[in-house]
C-alpha atoms as a PDB file:
ATOM      1  CA  UNK A   1      82.792 -14.226 -26.933  1.00  0.00           C
ATOM      2  CA  UNK A   2      79.192 -13.869 -25.746  1.00  0.00           C
ATOM      3  CA  UNK A   3      78.635 -17.623 -25.605  1.00  0.00           C
ATOM      4  CA  UNK A   4      81.219 -18.120 -22.831  1.00  0.00           C
ATOM      5  CA  UNK A   5      80.097 -18.905 -19.321  1.00  0.00           C
ATOM      6  CA  UNK A   6      81.352 -16.790 -16.441  1.00  0.00           C
ATOM      7  CA  UNK A   7      84.005 -18.786 -14.567  1.00  0.00           C
ATOM      8  CA  UNK A   8      82.853 -20.286 -11.267  1.00  0.00           C
ATOM      9  CA  UNK A   9      84.413 -18.939  -8.097  1.00  0.00           C
ATOM     10  CA  UNK A  10      84.214 -20.675  -4.730  1.00  0.00           C
ATOM     11  CA  UNK A  11      85.274 -19.513  -1.280  1.00  0.00           C
ATOM     12  CA  UNK A  12      87.464 -22.043   0.511  1.00  0.00           C
ATOM     13  CA  UNK A  13      87.489 -22.663   4.281  1.00  0.00           C
ATOM     14  CA  UNK A  14      91.123 -21.510   4.562  1.00  0.00           C
ATOM     15  CA  UNK A  15      90.177 -17.991   3.396  1.00  0.00           C
ATOM     16  CA  UNK A  16      91.320 -18.421  -0.203  1.00  0.00           C
ATOM     17  CA  UNK A  17      89.199 -18.573  -3.345  1.00  0.00           C
ATOM     18  CA  UNK A  18      89.094 -21.151  -6.109  1.00  0.00           C
ATOM     19  CA  UNK A  19      88.517 -19.948  -9.647  1.00  0.00           C
ATOM     20  CA  UNK A  20      87.742 -22.353 -12.470  1.00  0.00           C
ATOM     21  CA  UNK A  21      88.967 -21.329 -15.912  1.00  0.00           C
ATOM     22  CA  UNK A  22      90.231 -22.741 -19.186  1.00  0.00           C
ATOM     23  CA  UNK A  23      93.579 -21.686 -20.632  1.00  0.00           C
ATOM     24  CA  UNK A  24      95.165 -22.603 -23.946  1.00  0.00           C
ATOM     25  CA  UNK A  25      98.883 -23.290 -23.577  1.00  0.00           C
ATOM     26  CA  UNK A  26     101.620 -24.435 -25.946  1.00  0.00           C
ATOM     27  CA  UNK A  27     102.840 -28.000 -25.441  1.00  0.00           C
ATOM     28  CA  UNK A  28     106.178 -26.715 -24.156  1.00  0.00           C
ATOM     29  CA  UNK A  29     104.420 -24.973 -21.251  1.00  0.00           C
ATOM     30  CA  UNK A  30     102.444 -28.141 -20.460  1.00  0.00           C
ATOM     31  CA  UNK A  31     105.707 -30.093 -20.374  1.00  0.00           C
ATOM     32  CA  UNK A  32     107.210 -27.532 -17.975  1.00  0.00           C
ATOM     33  CA  UNK A  33     104.171 -27.829 -15.711  1.00  0.00           C
ATOM     34  CA  UNK A  34     104.592 -31.611 -15.757  1.00  0.00           C
ATOM     35  CA  UNK A  35     108.213 -31.180 -14.704  1.00  0.00           C
ATOM     36  CA  UNK A  36     107.153 -28.761 -11.955  1.00  0.00           C
ATOM     37  CA  UNK A  37     104.563 -31.297 -10.751  1.00  0.00           C
ATOM     38  CA  UNK A  38     107.279 -33.965 -10.692  1.00  0.00           C
ATOM     39  CA  UNK A  39     109.583 -31.749  -8.619  1.00  0.00           C
ATOM     40  CA  UNK A  40     106.780 -30.918  -6.192  1.00  0.00           C
ATOM     41  CA  UNK A  41     105.779 -34.585  -5.928  1.00  0.00           C
ATOM     42  CA  UNK A  42     109.348 -35.533  -5.017  1.00  0.00           C
ATOM     43  CA  UNK A  43     109.531 -32.691  -2.512  1.00  0.00           C
ATOM     44  CA  UNK A  44     106.124 -33.414  -0.942  1.00  0.00           C
ATOM     45  CA  UNK A  45     106.483 -37.210  -1.219  1.00  0.00           C
ATOM     46  CA  UNK A  46     103.011 -37.592  -2.762  1.00  0.00           C
ATOM     47  CA  UNK A  47     101.356 -37.319  -6.175  1.00  0.00           C
ATOM     48  CA  UNK A  48     100.825 -33.731  -7.384  1.00  0.00           C
ATOM     49  CA  UNK A  49      98.350 -32.665 -10.076  1.00  0.00           C
ATOM     50  CA  UNK A  50      99.037 -30.111 -12.780  1.00  0.00           C
ATOM     51  CA  UNK A  51      96.474 -27.877 -11.014  1.00  0.00           C
ATOM     52  CA  UNK A  52      98.609 -27.952  -7.859  1.00  0.00           C
ATOM     53  CA  UNK A  53     101.744 -27.251  -9.890  1.00  0.00           C
ATOM     54  CA  UNK A  54     100.097 -24.204 -11.483  1.00  0.00           C
ATOM     55  CA  UNK A  55      98.896 -22.919  -8.108  1.00  0.00           C
ATOM     56  CA  UNK A  56     102.350 -23.394  -6.630  1.00  0.00           C
ATOM     57  CA  UNK A  57     103.977 -21.641  -9.585  1.00  0.00           C
ATOM     58  CA  UNK A  58     101.580 -18.689  -9.334  1.00  0.00           C
ATOM     59  CA  UNK A  59     102.121 -18.347  -5.596  1.00  0.00           C
ATOM     60  CA  UNK A  60     105.902 -18.613  -5.981  1.00  0.00           C
ATOM     61  CA  UNK A  61     105.900 -15.949  -8.695  1.00  0.00           C
ATOM     62  CA  UNK A  62     103.722 -13.675  -6.569  1.00  0.00           C
ATOM     63  CA  UNK A  63     106.018 -14.044  -3.548  1.00  0.00           C
ATOM     64  CA  UNK A  64     109.125 -13.544  -5.702  1.00  0.00           C
ATOM     65  CA  UNK A  65     107.623 -10.428  -7.302  1.00  0.00           C
ATOM     66  CA  UNK A  66     107.453  -8.742  -3.899  1.00  0.00           C
ATOM     67  CA  UNK A  67     111.135  -9.477  -3.211  1.00  0.00           C
ATOM     68  CA  UNK A  68     112.450  -8.572  -6.699  1.00  0.00           C
ATOM     69  CA  UNK A  69     114.368  -5.300  -7.163  1.00  0.00           C
ATOM     70  CA  UNK A  70     112.663  -2.712  -9.383  1.00  0.00           C
ATOM     71  CA  UNK A  71     113.331  -3.141 -13.093  1.00  0.00           C
ATOM     72  CA  UNK A  72     114.223  -6.842 -12.920  1.00  0.00           C
ATOM     73  CA  UNK A  73     112.367  -9.001 -15.459  1.00  0.00           C
ATOM     74  CA  UNK A  74     109.966 -11.543 -13.881  1.00  0.00           C
ATOM     75  CA  UNK A  75     110.811 -15.223 -14.567  1.00  0.00           C
ATOM     76  CA  UNK A  76     107.505 -15.741 -16.397  1.00  0.00           C
ATOM     77  CA  UNK A  77     108.361 -13.050 -18.942  1.00  0.00           C
ATOM     78  CA  UNK A  78     111.871 -14.445 -19.402  1.00  0.00           C
ATOM     79  CA  UNK A  79     110.435 -17.941 -19.954  1.00  0.00           C
ATOM     80  CA  UNK A  80     107.887 -16.599 -22.441  1.00  0.00           C
ATOM     81  CA  UNK A  81     110.650 -14.921 -24.398  1.00  0.00           C
ATOM     82  CA  UNK A  82     112.650 -18.143 -24.555  1.00  0.00           C
ATOM     83  CA  UNK A  83     109.616 -20.145 -25.710  1.00  0.00           C
ATOM     84  CA  UNK A  84     108.811 -17.546 -28.372  1.00  0.00           C
ATOM     85  CA  UNK A  85     112.319 -17.844 -29.792  1.00  0.00           C
ATOM     86  CA  UNK A  86     111.984 -21.601 -30.369  1.00  0.00           C
ATOM     87  CA  UNK A  87     111.603 -22.704 -33.993  1.00  0.00           C
ATOM     88  CA  UNK A  88     108.062 -23.738 -34.826  1.00  0.00           C
ATOM     89  CA  UNK A  89     107.389 -27.441 -35.225  1.00  0.00           C
ATOM     90  CA  UNK A  90     104.311 -29.312 -36.390  1.00  0.00           C
ATOM     91  CA  UNK A  91     101.703 -29.669 -33.588  1.00  0.00           C
ATOM     92  CA  UNK A  92     101.959 -33.477 -33.634  1.00  0.00           C
ATOM     93  CA  UNK A  93     105.719 -33.270 -33.075  1.00  0.00           C
ATOM     94  CA  UNK A  94     105.249 -30.736 -30.265  1.00  0.00           C
ATOM     95  CA  UNK A  95     102.706 -33.001 -28.586  1.00  0.00           C
ATOM     96  CA  UNK A  96     104.921 -36.083 -28.891  1.00  0.00           C
ATOM     97  CA  UNK A  97     107.941 -34.309 -27.410  1.00  0.00           C
ATOM     98  CA  UNK A  98     105.901 -32.754 -24.595  1.00  0.00           C
ATOM     99  CA  UNK A  99     104.468 -36.146 -23.636  1.00  0.00           C
ATOM    100  CA  UNK A 100     107.948 -37.680 -23.703  1.00  0.00           C
ATOM    101  CA  UNK A 101     109.222 -34.906 -21.409  1.00  0.00           C
ATOM    102  CA  UNK A 102     106.315 -35.387 -18.995  1.00  0.00           C
ATOM    103  CA  UNK A 103     106.859 -39.150 -18.928  1.00  0.00           C
ATOM    104  CA  UNK A 104     110.608 -38.686 -18.545  1.00  0.00           C
ATOM    105  CA  UNK A 105     111.435 -40.602 -21.712  1.00  0.00           C
ATOM    106  CA  UNK A 106     112.883 -37.638 -23.635  1.00  0.00           C
END
Protein backbone atom coordinates (compact mmCIF):
# COMPACT_ATOMS: atom_id res chain seq x y z
CA UNK A 1 0.00 0.00 0.00
CA UNK A 2 2.89 2.37 0.71
CA UNK A 3 4.40 1.91 -2.75
CA UNK A 4 1.40 3.49 -4.51
CA UNK A 5 1.69 6.93 -6.02
CA UNK A 6 -0.84 9.59 -5.10
CA UNK A 7 -3.25 10.01 -8.03
CA UNK A 8 -2.68 13.11 -10.15
CA UNK A 9 -5.36 15.78 -10.09
CA UNK A 10 -5.62 18.58 -12.64
CA UNK A 11 -7.86 21.64 -12.74
CA UNK A 12 -9.67 22.02 -16.05
CA UNK A 13 -10.56 25.35 -17.71
CA UNK A 14 -14.30 24.62 -17.42
CA UNK A 15 -14.08 24.60 -13.60
CA UNK A 16 -14.03 20.82 -13.21
CA UNK A 17 -11.17 18.62 -12.04
CA UNK A 18 -9.61 15.58 -13.65
CA UNK A 19 -8.44 12.77 -11.41
CA UNK A 20 -6.28 9.94 -12.71
CA UNK A 21 -6.75 6.58 -11.01
CA UNK A 22 -6.63 2.85 -11.65
CA UNK A 23 -9.61 0.62 -10.91
CA UNK A 24 -9.90 -3.15 -11.14
CA UNK A 25 -13.24 -4.20 -12.62
CA UNK A 26 -14.80 -7.54 -13.56
CA UNK A 27 -15.07 -8.22 -17.29
CA UNK A 28 -18.86 -7.90 -17.11
CA UNK A 29 -18.51 -4.28 -15.95
CA UNK A 30 -16.04 -3.55 -18.76
CA UNK A 31 -18.53 -4.97 -21.26
CA UNK A 32 -21.28 -2.74 -19.83
CA UNK A 33 -19.02 0.30 -20.16
CA UNK A 34 -18.35 -0.67 -23.78
CA UNK A 35 -22.09 -0.83 -24.38
CA UNK A 36 -22.54 2.56 -22.69
CA UNK A 37 -19.78 4.01 -24.90
CA UNK A 38 -21.56 2.59 -27.95
CA UNK A 39 -24.87 4.19 -26.91
CA UNK A 40 -23.18 7.53 -26.27
CA UNK A 41 -21.32 7.35 -29.59
CA UNK A 42 -24.59 6.79 -31.44
CA UNK A 43 -26.23 9.62 -29.52
CA UNK A 44 -23.33 12.05 -29.98
CA UNK A 45 -22.53 10.89 -33.53
CA UNK A 46 -18.81 10.56 -32.77
CA UNK A 47 -16.42 8.04 -31.22
CA UNK A 48 -16.59 7.85 -27.40
CA UNK A 49 -13.87 6.43 -25.15
CA UNK A 50 -14.46 4.24 -22.12
CA UNK A 51 -13.20 7.19 -20.02
CA UNK A 52 -16.01 9.36 -21.41
CA UNK A 53 -18.54 6.59 -20.79
CA UNK A 54 -17.42 6.31 -17.16
CA UNK A 55 -17.60 10.08 -16.67
CA UNK A 56 -21.06 10.18 -18.22
CA UNK A 57 -22.23 7.28 -16.05
CA UNK A 58 -20.90 8.93 -12.88
CA UNK A 59 -22.52 12.25 -13.73
CA UNK A 60 -25.82 10.58 -14.61
CA UNK A 61 -25.81 8.64 -11.34
CA UNK A 62 -25.02 11.79 -9.38
CA UNK A 63 -27.86 13.72 -11.04
CA UNK A 64 -30.27 10.80 -10.57
CA UNK A 65 -29.31 10.48 -6.90
CA UNK A 66 -30.55 14.02 -6.25
CA UNK A 67 -33.93 13.26 -7.86
CA UNK A 68 -34.43 9.80 -6.27
CA UNK A 69 -36.97 9.41 -3.45
CA UNK A 70 -35.51 8.48 -0.05
CA UNK A 71 -34.99 4.76 0.47
CA UNK A 72 -34.84 3.85 -3.23
CA UNK A 73 -31.83 1.69 -4.17
CA UNK A 74 -29.35 3.42 -6.53
CA UNK A 75 -28.93 1.74 -9.96
CA UNK A 76 -25.24 1.06 -9.27
CA UNK A 77 -26.07 -1.00 -6.19
CA UNK A 78 -28.79 -2.89 -8.06
CA UNK A 79 -26.35 -3.64 -10.90
CA UNK A 80 -23.69 -4.80 -8.44
CA UNK A 81 -26.16 -7.17 -6.85
CA UNK A 82 -27.08 -8.66 -10.22
CA UNK A 83 -23.41 -9.12 -11.18
CA UNK A 84 -22.66 -10.75 -7.82
CA UNK A 85 -25.42 -13.30 -8.39
CA UNK A 86 -23.91 -14.49 -11.68
CA UNK A 87 -22.26 -17.93 -11.61
CA UNK A 88 -18.49 -17.72 -11.65
CA UNK A 89 -16.73 -18.63 -14.88
CA UNK A 90 -13.06 -19.05 -15.70
CA UNK A 91 -11.33 -15.67 -16.32
CA UNK A 92 -10.50 -16.59 -19.93
CA UNK A 93 -14.18 -17.30 -20.63
CA UNK A 94 -15.21 -14.03 -18.96
CA UNK A 95 -12.71 -12.11 -21.06
CA UNK A 96 -13.81 -13.77 -24.30
CA UNK A 97 -17.49 -13.06 -23.65
CA UNK A 98 -16.81 -9.46 -22.59
CA UNK A 99 -14.82 -8.81 -25.77
CA UNK A 100 -17.58 -10.36 -27.87
CA UNK A 101 -20.15 -8.10 -26.17
CA UNK A 102 -18.00 -5.01 -26.74
CA UNK A 103 -17.49 -5.91 -30.39
CA UNK A 104 -21.17 -6.72 -30.81
CA UNK A 105 -20.54 -10.30 -31.87
CA UNK A 106 -22.16 -11.94 -28.82
